[in-house]
N, C-alpha and C. Protein backbone atom coordinates (compact mmCIF):
# COMPACT_ATOMS: atom_id res chain seq x y z
N MET A 1 109.41 115.89 81.38
CA MET A 1 109.29 114.71 81.97
C MET A 1 110.55 113.87 81.67
N GLY A 2 110.06 113.14 82.57
CA GLY A 2 111.83 111.94 82.72
C GLY A 2 111.47 110.85 81.48
N LEU A 3 113.04 110.73 81.69
CA LEU A 3 113.21 109.71 80.58
C LEU A 3 112.18 108.69 80.28
N GLU A 4 111.79 107.85 81.26
CA GLU A 4 111.15 106.60 81.81
C GLU A 4 109.75 107.11 81.45
N SER A 5 108.64 108.14 81.85
CA SER A 5 107.58 108.68 81.38
C SER A 5 107.20 109.06 80.78
N LYS A 6 108.52 109.73 79.70
CA LYS A 6 108.40 109.97 77.78
C LYS A 6 108.34 108.44 77.05
N ILE A 7 109.41 107.86 77.50
CA ILE A 7 108.97 106.29 76.56
C ILE A 7 107.83 105.23 76.91
N ASN A 8 107.57 105.52 78.53
CA ASN A 8 105.63 105.15 78.65
C ASN A 8 104.89 105.88 77.80
N TRP A 9 105.38 106.80 78.16
CA TRP A 9 103.55 107.54 77.05
C TRP A 9 103.75 107.64 75.34
N ALA A 10 104.65 107.42 74.97
CA ALA A 10 104.81 106.82 73.85
C ALA A 10 104.53 105.74 73.16
N ILE A 11 105.23 104.35 74.50
CA ILE A 11 104.62 103.03 73.98
C ILE A 11 103.28 103.05 74.30
N LYS A 12 102.53 103.47 74.72
CA LYS A 12 100.77 103.90 75.28
C LYS A 12 100.23 104.21 74.01
N GLU A 13 101.19 105.68 73.48
CA GLU A 13 100.05 106.17 72.35
C GLU A 13 100.59 105.01 70.64
N GLU A 14 101.58 104.41 70.94
CA GLU A 14 101.11 103.10 69.92
C GLU A 14 100.26 102.27 69.73
N GLU A 15 99.80 102.59 68.47
CA GLU A 15 98.33 101.49 68.23
C GLU A 15 98.64 99.89 68.68
N GLU A 16 99.85 99.55 67.93
CA GLU A 16 100.29 98.26 67.80
C GLU A 16 100.56 98.13 68.92
N LEU A 17 101.08 98.73 70.25
CA LEU A 17 101.76 98.16 71.50
C LEU A 17 100.67 97.76 72.14
N GLN A 18 99.38 98.02 72.42
CA GLN A 18 98.20 98.48 72.65
C GLN A 18 98.04 96.36 73.63
N GLY A 19 98.01 96.75 74.77
CA GLY A 19 97.51 95.71 75.54
C GLY A 19 99.03 94.92 76.29
N LEU A 20 100.45 95.68 75.79
CA LEU A 20 101.43 95.42 75.91
C LEU A 20 101.78 95.12 77.60
N GLU A 21 102.26 93.69 77.96
CA GLU A 21 102.72 94.86 79.12
C GLU A 21 104.34 94.88 79.65
N TRP A 22 104.80 95.55 80.16
CA TRP A 22 106.04 96.37 80.47
C TRP A 22 105.77 97.24 81.77
N HIS A 23 107.18 96.84 82.72
CA HIS A 23 107.80 97.91 84.06
C HIS A 23 108.93 97.76 83.56
N TRP A 24 109.81 99.00 84.63
CA TRP A 24 111.11 99.61 84.59
C TRP A 24 111.48 98.59 85.97
N SER A 25 112.88 98.30 85.90
CA SER A 25 113.37 98.19 86.84
C SER A 25 114.97 98.70 86.84
N ASN A 26 115.85 99.00 87.41
CA ASN A 26 116.68 99.92 87.33
C ASN A 26 117.32 100.11 86.18
N GLY A 27 117.24 101.16 86.04
CA GLY A 27 117.01 101.53 84.26
C GLY A 27 116.30 100.52 83.31
N THR A 28 115.78 99.60 83.36
CA THR A 28 116.58 98.92 82.12
C THR A 28 114.25 98.84 81.93
N LEU A 29 114.10 98.75 80.60
CA LEU A 29 112.33 98.42 80.49
C LEU A 29 113.01 97.31 79.99
N PHE A 30 111.63 96.02 80.57
CA PHE A 30 111.04 94.80 80.34
C PHE A 30 109.44 94.67 80.33
N ALA A 31 109.14 94.42 78.66
CA ALA A 31 108.12 94.27 78.22
C ALA A 31 107.60 92.87 78.06
N ASP A 32 106.50 92.21 78.43
CA ASP A 32 106.46 90.74 78.25
C ASP A 32 105.78 90.57 76.48
N THR A 33 106.18 89.79 75.46
CA THR A 33 105.62 90.09 74.32
C THR A 33 106.76 88.82 73.83
N ASN A 34 105.51 88.09 72.33
CA ASN A 34 106.00 86.71 71.86
C ASN A 34 106.33 87.32 70.35
N ASP A 35 105.91 89.09 70.32
CA ASP A 35 105.53 89.62 69.25
C ASP A 35 106.66 90.61 68.73
N ILE A 36 107.65 89.22 67.99
CA ILE A 36 109.20 90.59 67.00
C ILE A 36 109.12 91.98 66.84
N GLU A 37 108.08 91.72 66.28
CA GLU A 37 107.61 93.41 65.80
C GLU A 37 107.63 94.71 67.16
N GLN A 38 106.83 93.37 68.08
CA GLN A 38 106.59 94.62 68.79
C GLN A 38 107.99 95.04 69.81
N VAL A 39 109.35 94.24 69.55
CA VAL A 39 110.32 94.33 70.19
C VAL A 39 110.74 95.56 68.74
N GLY A 40 111.25 95.18 67.94
CA GLY A 40 111.15 96.60 66.93
C GLY A 40 110.73 97.89 67.66
N LYS A 41 109.40 97.69 67.59
CA LYS A 41 108.90 98.99 67.73
C LYS A 41 109.20 99.72 69.01
N ILE A 42 108.96 99.03 70.23
CA ILE A 42 110.17 99.55 71.86
C ILE A 42 111.03 100.18 71.20
N LYS A 43 112.26 99.18 70.66
CA LYS A 43 113.22 99.66 70.54
C LYS A 43 113.27 100.79 69.80
N GLU A 44 112.81 100.76 68.54
CA GLU A 44 112.51 102.10 68.09
C GLU A 44 111.67 103.63 68.43
N ILE A 45 110.87 103.21 69.36
CA ILE A 45 111.24 104.25 70.96
C ILE A 45 111.14 104.84 70.96
N ILE A 46 112.58 103.79 72.36
CA ILE A 46 113.79 104.53 72.78
C ILE A 46 114.72 105.22 72.23
N GLU A 47 114.83 104.68 70.96
CA GLU A 47 115.64 105.44 70.22
C GLU A 47 115.27 106.36 70.00
N GLU A 48 114.06 106.94 69.62
CA GLU A 48 113.73 108.21 68.82
C GLU A 48 113.72 109.25 70.46
N ASN A 49 113.34 108.29 71.55
CA ASN A 49 113.65 109.28 72.64
C ASN A 49 114.44 109.42 73.66
N THR A 50 115.62 108.91 72.96
CA THR A 50 117.28 109.35 73.41
C THR A 50 117.38 110.06 72.66
N MET A 51 118.57 110.51 73.14
CA MET A 51 120.02 111.05 72.25
C MET A 51 121.44 110.56 72.73
N ASN A 52 121.97 109.68 72.30
CA ASN A 52 123.32 109.39 72.49
C ASN A 52 123.50 107.86 73.82
N THR A 53 122.30 107.50 72.98
CA THR A 53 122.27 105.95 73.44
C THR A 53 121.95 104.62 72.82
N GLU A 54 122.77 103.72 73.24
CA GLU A 54 122.30 102.26 72.49
C GLU A 54 121.82 101.42 73.10
N VAL A 55 120.69 101.13 72.35
CA VAL A 55 119.98 100.06 73.48
C VAL A 55 119.91 98.96 72.66
N GLU A 56 120.23 97.73 74.11
CA GLU A 56 121.17 96.70 73.50
C GLU A 56 119.47 95.73 74.08
N VAL A 57 119.03 95.02 73.26
CA VAL A 57 118.15 93.89 73.37
C VAL A 57 118.51 92.39 73.78
N ASN A 58 118.04 91.91 75.26
CA ASN A 58 118.16 90.50 75.37
C ASN A 58 116.51 89.90 75.62
N CYS A 59 116.22 88.24 75.11
CA CYS A 59 115.68 87.24 75.18
C CYS A 59 115.31 86.69 76.25
N LEU A 60 114.63 86.93 77.06
CA LEU A 60 114.47 86.04 78.70
C LEU A 60 113.60 84.69 78.14
N LYS A 61 113.57 83.70 77.63
CA LYS A 61 112.56 82.39 77.36
C LYS A 61 111.19 82.39 77.65
N ALA A 62 110.63 82.34 77.47
CA ALA A 62 109.49 81.43 78.65
C ALA A 62 109.90 80.12 79.29
N THR A 63 109.12 79.88 80.16
CA THR A 63 109.62 79.13 81.33
C THR A 63 107.82 78.57 81.39
N THR A 64 107.80 77.11 82.20
CA THR A 64 106.48 76.89 83.02
C THR A 64 105.74 77.53 83.05
N THR A 65 105.88 78.29 83.91
CA THR A 65 105.81 78.75 85.04
C THR A 65 104.98 80.04 84.73
N GLU A 66 106.34 80.86 83.48
CA GLU A 66 105.36 82.17 82.75
C GLU A 66 106.27 82.52 81.02
N PRO A 67 104.68 81.85 80.72
CA PRO A 67 104.52 80.90 79.65
C PRO A 67 104.87 82.43 78.31
N TRP A 68 105.93 83.10 78.38
CA TRP A 68 105.56 84.18 77.31
C TRP A 68 106.88 84.58 77.59
N ASP A 69 107.94 85.13 76.21
CA ASP A 69 109.37 85.83 76.12
C ASP A 69 109.15 87.39 76.83
N GLN A 70 110.44 87.47 77.62
CA GLN A 70 110.13 88.55 78.15
C GLN A 70 111.32 89.02 77.52
N TYR A 71 111.48 90.20 77.08
CA TYR A 71 112.57 91.31 76.69
C TYR A 71 113.02 92.58 77.67
N ALA A 72 114.30 92.50 77.71
CA ALA A 72 115.27 93.50 79.01
C ALA A 72 115.52 94.52 77.24
N PHE A 73 115.24 95.64 77.65
CA PHE A 73 116.32 96.63 76.86
C PHE A 73 116.72 97.68 77.86
N ASP A 74 118.12 97.44 77.12
CA ASP A 74 118.83 98.03 78.48
C ASP A 74 119.25 99.10 77.35
N LEU A 75 119.78 100.55 77.68
CA LEU A 75 120.02 101.54 77.38
C LEU A 75 121.78 102.04 78.40
N LYS A 76 122.35 102.23 77.03
CA LYS A 76 123.94 102.33 77.72
C LYS A 76 124.17 103.72 76.77
N LEU A 77 124.63 104.97 77.44
CA LEU A 77 125.38 106.09 76.45
C LEU A 77 126.04 105.42 75.88
N ILE A 78 126.32 106.54 75.04
CA ILE A 78 127.35 106.64 73.96
C ILE A 78 127.85 107.72 74.12
N ALA A 79 129.66 107.56 74.68
CA ALA A 79 130.28 108.32 74.91
C ALA A 79 130.96 109.20 73.35
C-alpha cells in the first residue's frame, strides 16, 4: 500500500476525523478544518505511518470566499 493510501485509510478510520475534507497535492496533505485537535491527530497519524520523516504543519487562514482554515502537512525526510 502506498504511503498516501495508508495515511488516507488511517484518517478515514479515526472517529474524531469523520467528515473532514482533505486531499493530497505534490506530496503535501491539505486538510480543511478549524479544529486544532484534528490538526494534531492528523500529524500524529502521519508520524505513526512514516519512518525518518518530520511533519511540518502550516496554516492557510480563512478568506471571505473560503471561510475555513486549511492546514498543509509537509513531509520532510530526515537524513
